[in-house]
Amino acid sequence: MRFLCVAAVLALSVSPPLAAQNDAKQRARIVRELGKGGSESIEKIEPYLSDPDVDVRLEAVKAIIGIGTQRSLDPLIKATGDNDAEMQIRAVEGLVNFYLPGYVKTGFSATIQRAGNAVKGRFSDTNDQVIDSYIQVRPEVIRAIGRVVRNGASIDARSDAARAVGILRGREAVPDLAEALRYKNSQLIYESLIALQKIRDPGAGPQIRFLLRDLDEKIQSTAIETEGLLVDRGATNDIRDVLDRTRNGKIRRVALAALAQMADPQLRGVLASYLDSKEEGLRIAAAEGLGRFRDPADQQTLQTAFTNEAKPAPRLALAFALVELGSRDMSEFAPLRYLVNQLNSSGLRNSARAYLIELARDQSTRQALYSALQGAIVTKDEKTGLAQVLSQSGGSDSVPYLQTLSRDADQDVAREGLRALRNLNSRL
C-alpha cells in the first residue's frame, strides 16, 4: 500500500511536465504544417511567436522566414524582441533574407547548435555582403535590428545584428553601432566597424577615434581602415602618430593607407617618402595618396614609378594616381587602359573596380570609359565591371550606356547592366 502511494505521488509530480512537453511537440508540429502554406498562413503562425516554449517559438520564426513575403516582416520585427538569443538571431537574419534572398543559408543562424539555453555558432570570415542601393528597407526594420545591436540577449545576437545593419546599409542604426563599439567584446566591435564601413556615414568618424590605439591588432587595424574610408580628417594626427610609433608592419600599412584617403597637403612629404619603399603595401598607399593631391609636380615621378614598377598591385595604384592627375588616354599602354584591363584579372579585379569608381566621379574620366565600352574588343568582365562602376559614380550621361549594356546579347552582362541602371536611377 505504501509503495502504491509513493508511486502515485511520483506520477503526479512527473506527469504534468511530460504532458506539457508533449503539448509543445504537438504545437511545434502544427506550426511546421502551417509553414507549408503561403502568406495566408502567417496570421495563424504569428500567435506561436508568444508560446511559452522556446522550441515552438523557434519553429514559428523559421516557418515565417520560409514563407518570406512582405507579410513576414511585421512578425519578424516582433520576434526580434524575444528574450532568447537564437530567436533574435533567426528573426534578424529573416529580415535580412527578405532584402537579400538566400542570406539565412549562409548567415550565423546556419551554423547554430543549441544545447539547452546555450547557443553556439560561427561567424563566417567573409563579410562583404551589402544590398543594392536601389533597395529601400523599411525604417522600422532597421530600428528593430538596431535595438538588438544595443541590447541583444547575447554577444552573438548583438554581433549578428551589427552585421545585418551593415548589409542593409542601416544609417538609422549608426548610434546603436557607436554604442556597441564601447562594449568590451572584440567580435561585436569588429562587426560594428565593418557595418560602419558599409554605411559610410562620415558623422560616425569621431565615435571611432578612441579605438585607433586599441591593444587588439584586428580592432586597431579595422578602426584605422574605417577612419580612412570615412575620410575622418579629425583623426589625421592620431593616425599619423600611430604610423610614426608602430613597429607592426600591418598597422603601418593600414595607417598609411588611411592617411592616403585624407588628401591633406601636410601629408604630401610623408606619402612621397614611402613611394620607393620595399613593401608593396606602403608603395600602394603612397601612390594613392599622391594621386589624390593632384599636384602636377608629381606627374613625372609617378610616371617613372609606373613604368618601372614590376609588381601588379602597386602598378595599379600608380595607374590610379596618374589618371587622377589627368592621364585619360585609352591607348594600349596608358594608365587608364591598364585599370580597365585589370577588370579581367581575378586577383586585381576588386581593386581596379574600386579605383575606377573613385575616378569615374569625374565626367572627363567617364567619357574616356564610354569610349572603352564602345571599343571593337570589350570583354564580358570589362562590361560588367564598368557597369558596376557607373552604377556608383555615373551621372545622367551614363544612362544611355547602361541601357545598351542592359540589352547585351550576353545574359550576365544584360543582367548587370539592368541592375546598374536601377542603382544609378536610385541615386539620380
Protein backbone atom coordinates (compact mmCIF):
# COMPACT_ATOMS: atom_id res chain seq x y z
CA MET A 1 0.00 0.00 0.00
CA ARG A 2 2.83 2.36 0.98
CA PHE A 3 4.54 1.56 -2.35
CA LEU A 4 1.40 2.43 -4.30
CA CYS A 5 1.03 5.80 -2.54
CA VAL A 6 4.63 6.75 -3.30
CA ALA A 7 4.17 5.68 -6.93
CA ALA A 8 1.05 7.82 -7.20
CA VAL A 9 2.83 10.89 -5.84
CA LEU A 10 5.70 10.36 -8.26
CA ALA A 11 3.27 10.00 -11.13
CA LEU A 12 1.58 13.27 -10.22
CA SER A 13 4.90 15.07 -9.99
CA VAL A 14 6.16 13.74 -13.32
CA SER A 15 3.02 13.68 -15.49
CA PRO A 16 2.38 17.46 -15.85
CA PRO A 17 5.86 18.21 -17.25
CA LEU A 18 5.61 15.24 -19.60
CA ALA A 19 2.19 16.37 -20.71
CA ALA A 20 3.43 19.90 -21.26
CA GLN A 21 6.35 18.55 -23.27
CA ASN A 22 4.05 16.50 -25.45
CA ASP A 23 1.80 19.51 -25.95
CA ALA A 24 4.82 21.59 -27.02
CA LYS A 25 5.81 18.94 -29.53
CA GLN A 26 2.27 18.93 -30.87
CA ARG A 27 2.23 22.71 -31.17
CA ALA A 28 5.60 22.64 -32.96
CA ARG A 29 4.20 20.04 -35.36
CA ILE A 30 1.19 22.25 -36.06
CA VAL A 31 3.48 25.20 -36.82
CA ARG A 32 5.54 23.14 -39.24
CA GLU A 33 2.40 22.11 -41.08
CA LEU A 34 1.17 25.71 -41.23
CA GLY A 35 4.55 26.72 -42.60
CA LYS A 36 3.86 24.67 -45.70
CA GLY A 37 1.15 27.11 -46.68
CA GLY A 38 1.54 30.53 -48.25
CA SER A 39 1.43 34.00 -46.80
CA GLU A 40 -2.15 33.47 -45.66
CA SER A 41 -0.76 31.08 -43.02
CA ILE A 42 1.31 33.80 -41.33
CA GLU A 43 -1.68 35.10 -39.38
CA LYS A 44 -2.17 31.61 -37.91
CA ILE A 45 1.54 31.13 -37.15
CA GLU A 46 2.15 34.51 -35.53
CA PRO A 47 0.47 33.68 -32.16
CA TYR A 48 3.03 30.90 -31.69
CA LEU A 49 5.77 33.56 -31.51
CA SER A 50 4.48 34.14 -27.95
CA ASP A 51 4.41 30.45 -26.99
CA PRO A 52 5.92 29.71 -23.54
CA ASP A 53 8.13 27.01 -25.08
CA VAL A 54 11.15 28.36 -26.97
CA ASP A 55 11.22 25.38 -29.33
CA VAL A 56 7.72 26.23 -30.51
CA ARG A 57 8.67 29.88 -30.95
CA LEU A 58 11.70 28.83 -33.00
CA GLU A 59 9.55 26.71 -35.25
CA ALA A 60 7.26 29.69 -35.71
CA VAL A 61 10.04 32.09 -36.66
CA LYS A 62 11.57 29.56 -39.05
CA ALA A 63 8.19 28.97 -40.70
CA ILE A 64 7.63 32.70 -41.18
CA ILE A 65 11.12 33.10 -42.68
CA GLY A 66 10.41 30.19 -45.00
CA ILE A 67 7.26 31.85 -46.32
CA GLY A 68 9.29 35.02 -46.89
CA THR A 69 6.77 37.51 -48.21
CA GLN A 70 6.16 41.16 -47.33
CA ARG A 71 3.72 39.96 -44.68
CA SER A 72 6.58 38.19 -42.90
CA LEU A 73 8.25 41.46 -41.88
CA ASP A 74 5.99 42.58 -39.04
CA PRO A 75 6.03 39.19 -37.25
CA LEU A 76 9.82 39.02 -37.63
CA ILE A 77 10.17 42.53 -36.21
CA LYS A 78 8.12 41.32 -33.25
CA ALA A 79 10.36 38.26 -32.88
CA THR A 80 13.49 40.43 -32.55
CA GLY A 81 12.10 41.45 -29.15
CA ASP A 82 12.17 37.86 -27.84
CA ASN A 83 14.39 37.27 -24.79
CA ASP A 84 16.03 34.20 -26.37
CA ALA A 85 19.26 34.77 -28.30
CA GLU A 86 18.54 32.24 -31.04
CA MET A 87 15.11 33.74 -31.62
CA GLN A 88 16.68 37.17 -32.05
CA ILE A 89 19.35 35.84 -34.40
CA ARG A 90 16.88 33.99 -36.59
CA ALA A 91 14.45 36.91 -36.67
CA VAL A 92 17.20 39.37 -37.62
CA GLU A 93 18.52 37.10 -40.36
CA GLY A 94 14.98 36.52 -41.58
CA LEU A 95 14.60 40.27 -42.03
CA VAL A 96 17.86 40.45 -43.95
CA ASN A 97 16.80 37.45 -46.02
CA PHE A 98 13.75 39.32 -47.30
CA TYR A 99 16.00 42.01 -48.80
CA LEU A 100 18.90 39.67 -49.65
CA PRO A 101 17.36 36.31 -50.60
CA GLY A 102 19.39 33.28 -49.55
CA TYR A 103 21.09 35.00 -46.61
CA VAL A 104 19.74 32.59 -44.00
CA LYS A 105 21.57 29.76 -45.73
CA THR A 106 24.94 31.46 -45.24
CA GLY A 107 24.46 33.58 -42.12
CA PHE A 108 25.29 32.85 -38.50
CA SER A 109 21.98 31.03 -37.94
CA ALA A 110 23.02 28.36 -40.46
CA THR A 111 25.77 27.25 -38.04
CA ILE A 112 23.77 27.39 -34.81
CA GLN A 113 23.86 24.45 -32.42
CA ARG A 114 21.68 24.58 -29.34
CA ALA A 115 22.33 22.84 -26.02
CA GLY A 116 19.63 23.82 -23.54
CA ASN A 117 19.74 27.60 -23.21
CA ALA A 118 23.23 27.81 -24.73
CA VAL A 119 23.51 28.79 -28.40
CA LYS A 120 26.74 28.30 -30.29
CA GLY A 121 27.58 29.20 -33.85
CA ARG A 122 30.37 30.51 -36.04
CA PHE A 123 30.68 33.78 -37.91
CA SER A 124 31.99 33.40 -41.45
CA ASP A 125 35.19 35.22 -42.33
CA THR A 126 33.51 36.76 -45.37
CA ASN A 127 31.72 39.97 -44.51
CA ASP A 128 31.32 41.79 -47.81
CA GLN A 129 27.61 41.42 -48.49
CA VAL A 130 25.51 44.54 -48.92
CA ILE A 131 22.20 45.21 -50.64
CA ASP A 132 21.97 47.29 -53.80
CA SER A 133 21.40 50.98 -53.24
CA TYR A 134 18.04 50.95 -55.06
CA ILE A 135 16.57 48.59 -52.43
CA GLN A 136 14.62 50.53 -49.83
CA VAL A 137 14.48 48.99 -46.35
CA ARG A 138 11.58 49.85 -44.06
CA PRO A 139 12.81 52.14 -41.24
CA GLU A 140 11.13 50.01 -38.57
CA VAL A 141 13.22 47.04 -39.73
CA ILE A 142 16.44 48.97 -39.13
CA ARG A 143 15.18 50.24 -35.77
CA ALA A 144 14.31 46.71 -34.63
CA ILE A 145 17.72 45.33 -35.62
CA GLY A 146 19.41 48.35 -34.04
CA ARG A 147 17.77 47.53 -30.72
CA VAL A 148 19.28 44.05 -30.90
CA VAL A 149 22.71 45.59 -31.60
CA ARG A 150 22.35 47.65 -28.44
CA ASN A 151 20.52 45.26 -26.10
CA GLY A 152 20.57 41.78 -27.63
CA ALA A 153 20.24 38.68 -25.44
CA SER A 154 23.83 37.58 -26.13
CA ILE A 155 27.05 38.85 -27.71
CA ASP A 156 26.42 36.62 -30.70
CA ALA A 157 22.95 38.09 -31.16
CA ARG A 158 24.33 41.64 -30.94
CA SER A 159 27.22 40.87 -33.31
CA ASP A 160 24.89 39.19 -35.79
CA ALA A 161 22.59 42.23 -35.69
CA ALA A 162 25.54 44.58 -36.28
CA ARG A 163 26.47 42.58 -39.37
CA ALA A 164 22.84 42.75 -40.52
CA VAL A 165 22.70 46.53 -40.14
CA GLY A 166 25.75 46.85 -42.38
CA ILE A 167 24.28 44.60 -45.05
CA LEU A 168 21.09 46.67 -45.08
CA ARG A 169 23.01 49.99 -45.07
CA GLY A 170 21.05 50.94 -41.96
CA ARG A 171 22.11 54.53 -41.34
CA GLU A 172 19.43 54.97 -38.69
CA ALA A 173 21.22 52.38 -36.52
CA VAL A 174 24.58 54.21 -36.52
CA PRO A 175 24.06 55.37 -32.89
CA ASP A 176 23.47 51.73 -31.90
CA LEU A 177 26.69 50.68 -33.65
CA ALA A 178 28.59 53.53 -31.96
CA GLU A 179 27.33 52.34 -28.59
CA ALA A 180 28.39 48.77 -29.39
CA LEU A 181 31.95 49.97 -30.06
CA ARG A 182 32.30 50.70 -26.34
CA TYR A 183 31.39 47.19 -25.27
CA LYS A 184 34.39 45.10 -24.26
CA ASN A 185 33.99 42.38 -26.87
CA SER A 186 36.18 42.16 -29.96
CA GLN A 187 33.65 40.33 -32.14
CA LEU A 188 30.93 42.90 -31.50
CA ILE A 189 33.35 45.80 -32.05
CA TYR A 190 34.68 44.30 -35.28
CA GLU A 191 31.22 43.65 -36.74
CA SER A 192 30.15 47.18 -35.79
CA LEU A 193 33.19 48.70 -37.50
CA ILE A 194 32.61 46.76 -40.71
CA ALA A 195 28.96 47.83 -40.65
CA LEU A 196 30.05 51.47 -40.36
CA GLN A 197 32.33 50.96 -43.36
CA LYS A 198 29.37 49.77 -45.42
CA ILE A 199 27.05 52.55 -44.29
CA ARG A 200 29.69 55.25 -44.90
CA ASP A 201 28.22 57.88 -42.59
CA PRO A 202 31.04 60.46 -42.14
CA GLY A 203 29.45 61.59 -38.88
CA ALA A 204 30.45 58.29 -37.27
CA GLY A 205 34.17 59.05 -37.54
CA PRO A 206 34.61 60.80 -34.17
CA GLN A 207 32.94 57.82 -32.44
CA ILE A 208 35.73 55.54 -33.64
CA ARG A 209 38.85 57.54 -32.74
CA PHE A 210 39.30 56.02 -29.28
CA LEU A 211 39.94 52.64 -30.95
CA LEU A 212 42.90 53.83 -33.01
CA ARG A 213 45.30 52.61 -30.33
CA ASP A 214 43.38 49.52 -29.27
CA LEU A 215 45.56 46.68 -28.00
CA ASP A 216 43.77 44.14 -30.22
CA GLU A 217 45.57 44.31 -33.59
CA LYS A 218 42.45 43.33 -35.54
CA ILE A 219 40.37 46.02 -33.87
CA GLN A 220 43.05 48.67 -34.22
CA SER A 221 43.67 47.97 -37.90
CA THR A 222 39.94 47.85 -38.69
CA ALA A 223 39.33 51.11 -36.80
CA ILE A 224 42.13 52.84 -38.72
CA GLU A 225 40.83 51.46 -42.00
CA THR A 226 37.30 52.66 -41.15
CA GLU A 227 38.51 56.17 -40.35
CA GLY A 228 40.22 56.26 -43.74
CA LEU A 229 37.11 55.11 -45.60
CA LEU A 230 35.00 57.69 -43.75
CA VAL A 231 37.67 60.33 -44.51
CA ASP A 232 37.62 61.49 -40.90
CA ARG A 233 40.21 64.26 -41.15
CA GLY A 234 39.83 64.91 -37.45
CA ALA A 235 41.66 61.63 -36.87
CA THR A 236 44.63 62.55 -39.08
CA ASN A 237 47.03 63.47 -36.27
CA ASP A 238 46.18 60.35 -34.28
CA ILE A 239 46.73 58.10 -37.29
CA ARG A 240 49.98 59.92 -38.11
CA ASP A 241 51.12 59.28 -34.55
CA VAL A 242 50.30 55.58 -34.91
CA LEU A 243 52.26 55.47 -38.19
CA ASP A 244 55.30 57.04 -36.55
CA ARG A 245 55.27 54.87 -33.43
CA THR A 246 54.16 51.41 -34.50
CA ARG A 247 56.58 48.54 -35.11
CA ASN A 248 53.81 46.41 -36.56
CA GLY A 249 54.09 46.18 -40.35
CA LYS A 250 50.37 45.60 -40.89
CA ILE A 251 49.37 48.56 -38.73
CA ARG A 252 51.89 50.74 -40.58
CA ARG A 253 50.39 49.79 -43.95
CA VAL A 254 46.83 50.37 -42.80
CA ALA A 255 47.74 53.71 -41.21
CA LEU A 256 49.47 55.00 -44.35
CA ALA A 257 46.52 53.81 -46.48
CA ALA A 258 44.13 55.73 -44.20
CA LEU A 259 46.25 58.88 -44.44
CA ALA A 260 46.24 58.46 -48.22
CA GLN A 261 42.44 58.90 -48.11
CA MET A 262 42.65 62.25 -46.31
CA ALA A 263 44.26 64.31 -49.13
CA ASP A 264 45.82 66.60 -46.51
CA PRO A 265 48.61 68.73 -48.12
CA GLN A 266 50.62 68.47 -44.90
CA LEU A 267 50.96 64.73 -45.52
CA ARG A 268 52.46 65.03 -49.01
CA GLY A 269 56.04 64.66 -47.81
CA VAL A 270 55.16 61.67 -45.63
CA LEU A 271 53.49 59.84 -48.51
CA ALA A 272 56.24 60.70 -51.00
CA SER A 273 58.83 59.19 -48.66
CA TYR A 274 57.18 55.78 -49.00
CA LEU A 275 56.85 55.76 -52.80
CA ASP A 276 60.03 53.70 -53.22
CA SER A 277 59.51 51.54 -50.11
CA LYS A 278 60.46 47.87 -50.31
CA GLU A 279 56.98 46.96 -49.01
CA GLU A 280 54.27 46.72 -51.65
CA GLY A 281 51.52 47.88 -49.31
CA LEU A 282 53.37 51.08 -48.46
CA ARG A 283 54.09 51.84 -52.13
CA ILE A 284 50.40 51.31 -52.91
CA ALA A 285 49.26 53.73 -50.19
CA ALA A 286 51.85 56.32 -51.16
CA ALA A 287 50.77 56.26 -54.82
CA GLU A 288 47.09 56.54 -53.93
CA GLY A 289 47.69 59.48 -51.62
CA LEU A 290 49.88 61.39 -54.06
CA GLY A 291 47.29 60.86 -56.77
CA ARG A 292 44.56 62.40 -54.65
CA PHE A 293 46.66 65.57 -54.17
CA ARG A 294 46.51 66.07 -57.97
CA ASP A 295 49.73 68.09 -57.88
CA PRO A 296 51.21 68.37 -61.42
CA ALA A 297 54.67 68.44 -59.81
CA ASP A 298 54.25 64.72 -59.03
CA GLN A 299 53.40 63.74 -62.60
CA GLN A 300 56.91 62.78 -63.75
CA THR A 301 57.78 60.97 -60.52
CA LEU A 302 54.62 58.87 -60.69
CA GLN A 303 55.04 58.19 -64.42
CA THR A 304 58.59 56.93 -63.86
CA ALA A 305 57.43 54.76 -60.98
CA PHE A 306 54.58 53.36 -63.12
CA THR A 307 56.97 52.48 -65.93
CA ASN A 308 59.49 50.81 -63.62
CA GLU A 309 57.09 49.05 -61.22
CA ALA A 310 57.20 45.27 -61.64
CA LYS A 311 54.50 44.27 -59.14
CA PRO A 312 50.90 44.42 -60.44
CA ALA A 313 49.16 45.81 -57.32
CA PRO A 314 51.48 48.83 -56.82
CA ARG A 315 51.41 49.42 -60.59
CA LEU A 316 47.62 49.53 -60.42
CA ALA A 317 47.81 52.16 -57.67
CA LEU A 318 50.25 54.20 -59.74
CA ALA A 319 47.88 53.98 -62.71
CA PHE A 320 45.12 55.31 -60.47
CA ALA A 321 47.35 58.20 -59.39
CA LEU A 322 48.23 59.15 -62.97
CA VAL A 323 44.58 59.18 -64.01
CA GLU A 324 43.84 61.42 -61.02
CA LEU A 325 46.47 63.78 -62.41
CA GLY A 326 44.67 63.89 -65.78
CA SER A 327 46.01 60.96 -67.82
CA ARG A 328 42.83 59.81 -69.56
CA ASP A 329 44.29 58.38 -72.74
CA MET A 330 42.90 54.95 -73.64
CA SER A 331 45.82 53.78 -75.80
CA GLU A 332 47.23 50.30 -75.26
CA PHE A 333 49.79 51.04 -72.54
CA ALA A 334 48.09 54.04 -70.92
CA PRO A 335 47.29 54.01 -67.15
CA LEU A 336 43.51 54.18 -67.62
CA ARG A 337 43.59 51.31 -70.12
CA TYR A 338 45.68 49.35 -67.62
CA LEU A 339 42.99 49.87 -64.97
CA VAL A 340 40.23 48.72 -67.31
CA ASN A 341 42.27 45.70 -68.41
CA GLN A 342 42.62 44.55 -64.80
CA LEU A 343 38.86 44.07 -64.59
CA ASN A 344 39.70 40.79 -66.34
CA SER A 345 42.05 39.73 -63.54
CA SER A 346 40.56 37.65 -60.71
CA GLY A 347 43.28 38.87 -58.35
CA LEU A 348 43.12 42.59 -59.16
CA ARG A 349 39.51 42.99 -60.29
CA ASN A 350 38.18 44.34 -56.98
CA SER A 351 41.00 46.89 -56.61
CA ALA A 352 40.65 48.04 -60.22
CA ARG A 353 36.90 48.46 -59.79
CA ALA A 354 37.36 50.46 -56.57
CA TYR A 355 39.86 52.79 -58.25
CA LEU A 356 37.60 53.26 -61.27
CA ILE A 357 34.61 54.02 -59.03
CA GLU A 358 36.59 56.84 -57.45
CA LEU A 359 37.93 58.10 -60.77
CA ALA A 360 34.57 57.95 -62.59
CA ARG A 361 33.18 60.70 -60.39
CA ASP A 362 34.95 62.97 -62.88
CA GLN A 363 32.96 63.40 -66.07
CA SER A 364 36.03 63.56 -68.30
CA THR A 365 37.13 60.17 -66.99
CA ARG A 366 33.64 58.78 -67.61
CA GLN A 367 33.80 59.96 -71.22
CA ALA A 368 37.04 58.02 -71.66
CA LEU A 369 35.41 54.93 -70.15
CA TYR A 370 32.48 55.26 -72.54
CA SER A 371 34.93 55.01 -75.42
CA ALA A 372 36.25 51.78 -73.89
CA LEU A 373 32.71 50.38 -73.78
CA GLN A 374 32.26 51.19 -77.45
CA GLY A 375 35.59 49.68 -78.49
CA ALA A 376 35.91 46.89 -81.02
CA ILE A 377 37.02 44.39 -78.37
CA VAL A 378 35.33 44.66 -74.98
CA THR A 379 35.34 41.61 -72.74
CA LYS A 380 32.46 40.39 -70.64
CA ASP A 381 34.34 41.21 -67.43
CA GLU A 382 35.06 44.73 -68.64
CA LYS A 383 31.40 45.30 -69.47
CA THR A 384 30.12 44.04 -66.12
CA GLY A 385 32.89 45.82 -64.20
CA LEU A 386 32.25 49.15 -65.89
CA ALA A 387 28.53 48.73 -65.34
CA GLN A 388 29.21 48.42 -61.61
CA VAL A 389 31.49 51.46 -61.75
CA LEU A 390 28.90 53.62 -63.48
CA SER A 391 26.15 52.45 -61.13
CA GLN A 392 28.02 54.06 -58.24
CA SER A 393 29.76 57.02 -59.87
CA GLY A 394 27.87 57.70 -63.08
CA GLY A 395 25.69 60.67 -63.89
CA SER A 396 22.74 61.22 -66.17
CA ASP A 397 25.23 60.97 -69.04
CA SER A 398 25.78 57.30 -68.10
CA VAL A 399 22.18 56.23 -68.63
CA PRO A 400 22.36 55.52 -72.41
CA TYR A 401 25.45 53.36 -71.97
CA LEU A 402 23.87 51.31 -69.20
CA GLN A 403 20.71 50.95 -71.26
CA THR A 404 22.83 49.49 -74.04
CA LEU A 405 24.50 47.07 -71.63
CA SER A 406 21.09 46.04 -70.29
CA ARG A 407 20.26 44.81 -73.80
CA ASP A 408 23.54 42.99 -74.34
CA ALA A 409 23.40 39.57 -76.02
CA ASP A 410 25.19 38.05 -73.02
CA GLN A 411 22.57 37.47 -70.32
CA ASP A 412 25.05 38.05 -67.48
CA VAL A 413 26.07 41.39 -68.94
CA ALA A 414 22.45 42.36 -69.57
CA ARG A 415 21.51 41.45 -66.02
CA GLU A 416 24.39 43.51 -64.58
CA GLY A 417 23.56 46.41 -66.88
CA LEU A 418 19.94 46.46 -65.72
CA ARG A 419 20.98 46.21 -62.08
CA ALA A 420 23.44 49.07 -62.57
CA LEU A 421 20.77 51.16 -64.26
CA ARG A 422 18.41 50.68 -61.32
CA ASN A 423 21.13 51.63 -58.84
CA LEU A 424 22.09 54.70 -60.84
CA ASN A 425 18.48 55.85 -61.16
CA SER A 426 18.02 55.49 -57.41
CA ARG A 427 20.94 57.89 -56.90
CA LEU A 428 19.84 60.32 -59.57
